[in-house]
Each structure stands twice: as structure tokens, then as C-alpha cells.
Amino acid sequence: MNALTIIYWTRVLLGIVAAVICTLFNELVGGISIFNGISIALLVYIMTYYVYKSQFLTKVEKRSKLFSTGVGAYFFSWIVMFGLFFTLVSPTLAITSPAQRSTFTAGNAVTIEAKIASPFGVSFSGFNITTRSPNSTLIQLTETSPGIYSATYNVTSSTPTGEWIIRVQAVLDGRYREASVTVNIQTSP
């Protein structure tokens, strides 16, 4: 196999490696800007030039071929795989309490608990999570531990009966997220 073919295909693979590095960086830091991602991709690409220069300088016609071979394939594989990995590991919002179809009556306290985490269990802090009461009053959930947000609503005799869809909302990494459960409010047990 000729040197330029080896350089080309290893750059395609290194684009994927750079995407993995960007995704891991995002998981560890809890957010990554496009400029940080591009900087990491450029750094990996430039490092490959020096590695290839030491390995293949005598095997290519022009030194510039070491830098330019596979540049498009590298960045294309990086952007596609980074988008894919970023989507797969992005944080999700889930309601952990109350359980779906729970029933509450006057005098009950409804504890609303939501969790923000990645599929790998990394918790995300510092978000603004809200929901609405059956009376349409805004309820602000507060962070009780990393990635866990909670609020309590007291059911009273004036609380409307029937189904209450508890819908929590947040903006995570610039994307709107929502989770919901349906509970029943009854006048008497």
C-alpha cells in the first residue's frame, strides 16, 4: 500500500478518534462549544502531520502532500461522528416521582422530582426546571443534589379534580427538553 493511501485512511479513522475525544470532553466538562470542538479537531489533525512527517517524509514526492492528504475526509468523518456521538450522549430529562397514574387527594403532598443525566450516568447541574400546578401556577424545581431537582405541591380542597399532567421543562445544551407524567386528583380517598 502506498504512503498516501495509508495517510488518507488513517486520517479518516483519526477524524472518528477526534470526535470521540470531543464527546468525552463534553461529558467531562458538561458542555462544549463548537469552537472548542473545532480546536480539538485541528489539534489532532496538526499532530498527525508531525507523526506522518517523521514516518513518510522520504516516501512522498512533496512535503505538502503530508499535510493535505485526507483533509476533507478527516473533517467530514469528524463532523459526522461528533454529531452522532453528541446526540447519543446528550443529557436527558426524566421525572422520577410521582409514578405514572398515581392518585392524590386533598391533604396529600405531591413530590415532583426530575433528573438530568447522560446515558452514562453523568449528572448535570445548574438548570432551571419548571412545571405548572393543576391551577396553572408556576412551580420551580430546586436542585437537591447533583442532577436531581425537586418541588412539593400540596393538594387542597380547591385543587381541580381529574387528570393532572405534570410536565417538567428545561433547556439542556441549547435544546428544549420536556418530560411528563399523568396523575389523578380526587376529591376524596
C-alpha atoms as a PDB file:
ATOM      1  CA  MET A   1       0.000   0.000   0.000  1.00  0.00           C
ATOM      2  CA  ASN A   2       1.397   3.395  -0.895  1.00  0.00           C
ATOM      3  CA  ALA A   3       2.125   6.054   1.749  1.00  0.00           C
ATOM      4  CA  LEU A   4      -0.604   8.495   0.655  1.00  0.00           C
ATOM      5  CA  THR A   5      -3.268   5.788   0.836  1.00  0.00           C
ATOM      6  CA  ILE A   6      -2.179   4.932   4.375  1.00  0.00           C
ATOM      7  CA  ILE A   7      -2.242   8.613   5.346  1.00  0.00           C
ATOM      8  CA  TYR A   8      -5.699   9.103   3.831  1.00  0.00           C
ATOM      9  CA  TRP A   9      -7.375   6.179   5.590  1.00  0.00           C
ATOM     10  CA  THR A  10      -5.685   6.753   8.930  1.00  0.00           C
ATOM     11  CA  ARG A  11      -6.888  10.359   8.795  1.00  0.00           C
ATOM     12  CA  VAL A  12     -10.458   9.121   8.278  1.00  0.00           C
ATOM     13  CA  LEU A  13     -10.058   6.952  11.385  1.00  0.00           C
ATOM     14  CA  LEU A  14      -8.397   9.784  13.301  1.00  0.00           C
ATOM     15  CA  GLY A  15     -11.391  12.011  12.479  1.00  0.00           C
ATOM     16  CA  ILE A  16     -13.506   9.479  14.333  1.00  0.00           C
ATOM     17  CA  VAL A  17     -10.997   9.446  17.210  1.00  0.00           C
ATOM     18  CA  ALA A  18     -11.129  13.266  17.370  1.00  0.00           C
ATOM     19  CA  ALA A  19     -14.951  13.057  17.541  1.00  0.00           C
ATOM     20  CA  VAL A  20     -14.690  10.626  20.470  1.00  0.00           C
ATOM     21  CA  ILE A  21     -12.270  13.000  22.231  1.00  0.00           C
ATOM     22  CA  CYS A  22     -14.670  15.933  21.706  1.00  0.00           C
ATOM     23  CA  THR A  23     -17.584  13.879  23.033  1.00  0.00           C
ATOM     24  CA  LEU A  24     -15.631  12.785  26.121  1.00  0.00           C
ATOM     25  CA  PHE A  25     -14.560  16.387  26.695  1.00  0.00           C
ATOM     26  CA  ASN A  26     -18.226  17.389  26.506  1.00  0.00           C
ATOM     27  CA  GLU A  27     -19.164  14.714  29.063  1.00  0.00           C
ATOM     28  CA  LEU A  28     -16.418  15.727  31.497  1.00  0.00           C
ATOM     29  CA  VAL A  29     -16.928  19.474  31.243  1.00  0.00           C
ATOM     30  CA  GLY A  30     -20.725  19.338  30.895  1.00  0.00           C
ATOM     31  CA  GLY A  31     -20.848  21.383  27.699  1.00  0.00           C
ATOM     32  CA  ILE A  32     -18.674  22.129  24.719  1.00  0.00           C
ATOM     33  CA  SER A  33     -18.822  24.998  22.278  1.00  0.00           C
ATOM     34  CA  ILE A  34     -18.334  24.496  18.558  1.00  0.00           C
ATOM     35  CA  PHE A  35     -15.086  26.472  18.809  1.00  0.00           C
ATOM     36  CA  ASN A  36     -13.693  24.068  21.417  1.00  0.00           C
ATOM     37  CA  GLY A  37     -14.696  21.127  19.230  1.00  0.00           C
ATOM     38  CA  ILE A  38     -13.029  22.614  16.152  1.00  0.00           C
ATOM     39  CA  SER A  39      -9.920  23.424  18.194  1.00  0.00           C
ATOM     40  CA  ILE A  40      -9.637  19.816  19.369  1.00  0.00           C
ATOM     41  CA  ALA A  41     -10.143  18.531  15.807  1.00  0.00           C
ATOM     42  CA  LEU A  42      -7.495  20.934  14.451  1.00  0.00           C
ATOM     43  CA  LEU A  43      -5.045  19.997  17.199  1.00  0.00           C
ATOM     44  CA  VAL A  44      -5.398  16.284  16.432  1.00  0.00           C
ATOM     45  CA  TYR A  45      -5.027  16.980  12.697  1.00  0.00           C
ATOM     46  CA  ILE A  46      -1.876  19.064  13.164  1.00  0.00           C
ATOM     47  CA  MET A  47      -0.381  16.414  15.436  1.00  0.00           C
ATOM     48  CA  THR A  48      -0.926  13.834  12.682  1.00  0.00           C
ATOM     49  CA  TYR A  49       1.140  15.954  10.300  1.00  0.00           C
ATOM     50  CA  TYR A  50       4.175  15.715  12.565  1.00  0.00           C
ATOM     51  CA  VAL A  51       3.717  11.986  13.063  1.00  0.00           C
ATOM     52  CA  TYR A  52       3.362  11.431   9.308  1.00  0.00           C
ATOM     53  CA  LYS A  53       6.325  13.707   8.617  1.00  0.00           C
ATOM     54  CA  SER A  54       8.576  11.509  10.745  1.00  0.00           C
ATOM     55  CA  GLN A  55       7.234   8.317   9.160  1.00  0.00           C
ATOM     56  CA  PHE A  56       6.618   9.134   5.493  1.00  0.00           C
ATOM     57  CA  LEU A  57       8.730  12.184   4.504  1.00  0.00           C
ATOM     58  CA  THR A  58      11.051  10.151   2.282  1.00  0.00           C
ATOM     59  CA  LYS A  59       8.159   8.182   0.743  1.00  0.00           C
ATOM     60  CA  VAL A  60       6.196  11.084  -0.804  1.00  0.00           C
ATOM     61  CA  GLU A  61       7.021  13.467  -3.673  1.00  0.00           C
ATOM     62  CA  LYS A  62       6.084  16.702  -1.923  1.00  0.00           C
ATOM     63  CA  ARG A  63       6.140  17.577   1.725  1.00  0.00           C
ATOM     64  CA  SER A  64       2.800  19.433   1.328  1.00  0.00           C
ATOM     65  CA  LYS A  65       1.100  16.106   0.484  1.00  0.00           C
ATOM     66  CA  LEU A  66       1.707  15.010   4.081  1.00  0.00           C
ATOM     67  CA  PHE A  67      -0.435  17.904   5.276  1.00  0.00           C
ATOM     68  CA  SER A  68      -3.152  17.988   2.607  1.00  0.00           C
ATOM     69  CA  THR A  69      -3.854  14.295   2.000  1.00  0.00           C
ATOM     70  CA  GLY A  70      -7.156  13.316   3.581  1.00  0.00           C
ATOM     71  CA  VAL A  71      -8.010  16.765   4.969  1.00  0.00           C
ATOM     72  CA  GLY A  72     -11.584  16.685   3.645  1.00  0.00           C
ATOM     73  CA  ALA A  73     -12.181  13.081   4.678  1.00  0.00           C
ATOM     74  CA  TYR A  74     -10.768  13.806   8.153  1.00  0.00           C
ATOM     75  CA  PHE A  75     -13.040  16.768   8.847  1.00  0.00           C
ATOM     76  CA  PHE A  76     -16.062  15.116   7.247  1.00  0.00           C
ATOM     77  CA  SER A  77     -15.663  11.994   9.385  1.00  0.00           C
ATOM     78  CA  TRP A  78     -15.078  14.187  12.462  1.00  0.00           C
ATOM     79  CA  ILE A  79     -18.187  16.339  11.985  1.00  0.00           C
ATOM     80  CA  VAL A  80     -20.481  13.405  11.175  1.00  0.00           C
ATOM     81  CA  MET A  81     -19.275  11.250  14.052  1.00  0.00           C
ATOM     82  CA  PHE A  82     -19.184  14.144  16.537  1.00  0.00           C
ATOM     83  CA  GLY A  83     -22.793  14.958  15.665  1.00  0.00           C
ATOM     84  CA  LEU A  84     -23.748  11.311  16.102  1.00  0.00           C
ATOM     85  CA  PHE A  85     -21.867  10.794  19.369  1.00  0.00           C
ATOM     86  CA  PHE A  86     -23.063  14.141  20.768  1.00  0.00           C
ATOM     87  CA  THR A  87     -26.666  13.168  20.035  1.00  0.00           C
ATOM     88  CA  LEU A  88     -26.258   9.736  21.608  1.00  0.00           C
ATOM     89  CA  VAL A  89     -24.788  11.006  24.878  1.00  0.00           C
ATOM     90  CA  SER A  90     -26.677  14.277  25.288  1.00  0.00           C
ATOM     91  CA  PRO A  91     -28.407  14.738  28.641  1.00  0.00           C
ATOM     92  CA  THR A  92     -31.997  13.672  29.115  1.00  0.00           C
ATOM     93  CA  LEU A  93     -34.685  14.950  31.439  1.00  0.00           C
ATOM     94  CA  ALA A  94     -36.822  12.375  33.253  1.00  0.00           C
ATOM     95  CA  ILE A  95     -39.439  12.527  36.002  1.00  0.00           C
ATOM     96  CA  THR A  96     -38.601  10.071  38.780  1.00  0.00           C
ATOM     97  CA  SER A  97     -41.530  10.980  41.057  1.00  0.00           C
ATOM     98  CA  PRO A  98     -44.524  10.729  41.193  1.00  0.00           C
ATOM     99  CA  ALA A  99     -45.208   7.476  39.408  1.00  0.00           C
ATOM    100  CA  GLN A 100     -47.407   7.454  36.331  1.00  0.00           C
ATOM    101  CA  ARG A 101     -51.146   7.212  37.167  1.00  0.00           C
ATOM    102  CA  SER A 102     -50.675   7.908  40.902  1.00  0.00           C
ATOM    103  CA  THR A 103     -53.748   9.193  42.732  1.00  0.00           C
ATOM    104  CA  PHE A 104     -53.754  12.111  45.184  1.00  0.00           C
ATOM    105  CA  THR A 105     -56.495  13.603  47.351  1.00  0.00           C
ATOM    106  CA  ALA A 106     -56.867  16.772  49.446  1.00  0.00           C
ATOM    107  CA  GLY A 107     -54.219  16.839  52.153  1.00  0.00           C
ATOM    108  CA  ASN A 108     -51.656  14.878  50.086  1.00  0.00           C
ATOM    109  CA  ALA A 109     -48.306  16.359  49.203  1.00  0.00           C
ATOM    110  CA  VAL A 110     -47.129  15.622  45.665  1.00  0.00           C
ATOM    111  CA  THR A 111     -43.350  15.467  45.442  1.00  0.00           C
ATOM    112  CA  ILE A 112     -42.243  16.217  41.913  1.00  0.00           C
ATOM    113  CA  GLU A 113     -38.707  15.016  41.232  1.00  0.00           C
ATOM    114  CA  ALA A 114     -36.807  15.236  37.945  1.00  0.00           C
ATOM    115  CA  LYS A 115     -33.352  14.036  36.980  1.00  0.00           C
ATOM    116  CA  ILE A 116     -30.945  15.319  34.331  1.00  0.00           C
ATOM    117  CA  ALA A 117     -28.253  12.839  33.325  1.00  0.00           C
ATOM    118  CA  SER A 118     -26.461  11.449  30.307  1.00  0.00           C
ATOM    119  CA  PRO A 119     -26.867   7.812  29.269  1.00  0.00           C
ATOM    120  CA  PHE A 120     -23.545   7.181  31.027  1.00  0.00           C
ATOM    121  CA  GLY A 121     -24.844   8.469  34.358  1.00  0.00           C
ATOM    122  CA  VAL A 122     -23.132  11.866  34.374  1.00  0.00           C
ATOM    123  CA  SER A 123     -25.388  14.296  36.277  1.00  0.00           C
ATOM    124  CA  PHE A 124     -25.885  17.857  35.069  1.00  0.00           C
ATOM    125  CA  SER A 125     -26.354  20.754  37.488  1.00  0.00           C
ATOM    126  CA  GLY A 126     -27.439  24.366  37.358  1.00  0.00           C
ATOM    127  CA  PHE A 127     -30.560  24.147  35.191  1.00  0.00           C
ATOM    128  CA  ASN A 128     -33.864  25.961  35.513  1.00  0.00           C
ATOM    129  CA  ILE A 129     -36.656  23.369  35.646  1.00  0.00           C
ATOM    130  CA  THR A 130     -40.294  24.347  35.956  1.00  0.00           C
ATOM    131  CA  THR A 131     -43.767  22.824  35.851  1.00  0.00           C
ATOM    132  CA  ARG A 132     -47.309  24.028  36.430  1.00  0.00           C
ATOM    133  CA  SER A 133     -49.745  23.128  39.223  1.00  0.00           C
ATOM    134  CA  PRO A 134     -53.308  21.971  38.447  1.00  0.00           C
ATOM    135  CA  ASN A 135     -54.273  25.644  38.974  1.00  0.00           C
ATOM    136  CA  SER A 136     -51.663  26.671  36.352  1.00  0.00           C
ATOM    137  CA  THR A 137     -49.391  28.269  38.943  1.00  0.00           C
ATOM    138  CA  LEU A 138     -45.690  28.072  38.050  1.00  0.00           C
ATOM    139  CA  ILE A 139     -43.719  25.633  40.219  1.00  0.00           C
ATOM    140  CA  GLN A 140     -39.942  25.991  40.298  1.00  0.00           C
ATOM    141  CA  LEU A 141     -37.972  22.797  40.978  1.00  0.00           C
ATOM    142  CA  THR A 142     -34.810  23.302  43.014  1.00  0.00           C
ATOM    143  CA  GLU A 143     -31.667  21.230  42.844  1.00  0.00           C
ATOM    144  CA  THR A 144     -31.471  18.928  45.867  1.00  0.00           C
ATOM    145  CA  SER A 145     -28.359  17.023  44.754  1.00  0.00           C
ATOM    146  CA  PRO A 146     -26.291  16.977  41.534  1.00  0.00           C
ATOM    147  CA  GLY A 147     -28.707  16.457  38.657  1.00  0.00           C
ATOM    148  CA  ILE A 148     -31.762  15.923  40.924  1.00  0.00           C
ATOM    149  CA  TYR A 149     -34.434  18.643  41.057  1.00  0.00           C
ATOM    150  CA  SER A 150     -37.453  18.611  43.343  1.00  0.00           C
ATOM    151  CA  ALA A 151     -40.545  20.549  44.409  1.00  0.00           C
ATOM    152  CA  THR A 152     -43.607  19.800  46.528  1.00  0.00           C
ATOM    153  CA  TYR A 153     -47.207  20.684  45.718  1.00  0.00           C
ATOM    154  CA  ASN A 154     -49.869  20.369  48.417  1.00  0.00           C
ATOM    155  CA  VAL A 155     -53.246  19.162  47.158  1.00  0.00           C
ATOM    156  CA  THR A 156     -56.051  21.170  48.761  1.00  0.00           C
ATOM    157  CA  SER A 157     -59.833  21.019  48.566  1.00  0.00           C
ATOM    158  CA  SER A 158     -59.721  23.814  45.971  1.00  0.00           C
ATOM    159  CA  THR A 159     -57.393  21.863  43.676  1.00  0.00           C
ATOM    160  CA  PRO A 160     -59.194  20.927  40.444  1.00  0.00           C
ATOM    161  CA  THR A 161     -60.007  17.214  40.255  1.00  0.00           C
ATOM    162  CA  GLY A 162     -59.272  14.895  37.358  1.00  0.00           C
ATOM    163  CA  GLU A 163     -56.092  14.272  35.421  1.00  0.00           C
ATOM    164  CA  TRP A 164     -53.101  16.483  36.071  1.00  0.00           C
ATOM    165  CA  ILE A 165     -50.324  16.233  33.511  1.00  0.00           C
ATOM    166  CA  ILE A 166     -47.115  17.112  35.313  1.00  0.00           C
ATOM    167  CA  ARG A 167     -44.866  18.411  32.537  1.00  0.00           C
ATOM    168  CA  VAL A 168     -41.337  19.482  33.546  1.00  0.00           C
ATOM    169  CA  GLN A 169     -39.370  21.620  31.125  1.00  0.00           C
ATOM    170  CA  ALA A 170     -35.740  22.657  30.778  1.00  0.00           C
ATOM    171  CA  VAL A 171     -33.242  23.831  28.181  1.00  0.00           C
ATOM    172  CA  LEU A 172     -30.231  21.473  28.106  1.00  0.00           C
ATOM    173  CA  ASP A 173     -27.221  22.247  25.924  1.00  0.00           C
ATOM    174  CA  GLY A 174     -29.306  24.740  23.981  1.00  0.00           C
ATOM    175  CA  ARG A 175     -32.062  22.217  23.312  1.00  0.00           C
ATOM    176  CA  TYR A 176     -35.536  22.212  24.819  1.00  0.00           C
ATOM    177  CA  ARG A 177     -36.357  19.079  26.825  1.00  0.00           C
ATOM    178  CA  GLU A 178     -39.636  18.001  28.344  1.00  0.00           C
ATOM    179  CA  ALA A 179     -40.870  15.042  30.356  1.00  0.00           C
ATOM    180  CA  SER A 180     -44.334  14.345  31.680  1.00  0.00           C
ATOM    181  CA  VAL A 181     -46.405  12.011  33.829  1.00  0.00           C
ATOM    182  CA  THR A 182     -50.147  11.942  34.372  1.00  0.00           C
ATOM    183  CA  VAL A 183     -51.591  11.703  37.881  1.00  0.00           C
ATOM    184  CA  ASN A 184     -55.176  11.782  39.172  1.00  0.00           C
ATOM    185  CA  ILE A 185     -56.542  14.293  41.659  1.00  0.00           C
ATOM    186  CA  GLN A 186     -59.649  13.095  43.504  1.00  0.00           C
ATOM    187  CA  THR A 187     -61.976  14.865  45.932  1.00  0.00           C
ATOM    188  CA  SER A 188     -61.911  12.039  48.463  1.00  0.00           C
ATOM    189  CA  PRO A 189     -59.974   8.806  49.033  1.00  0.00           C
END
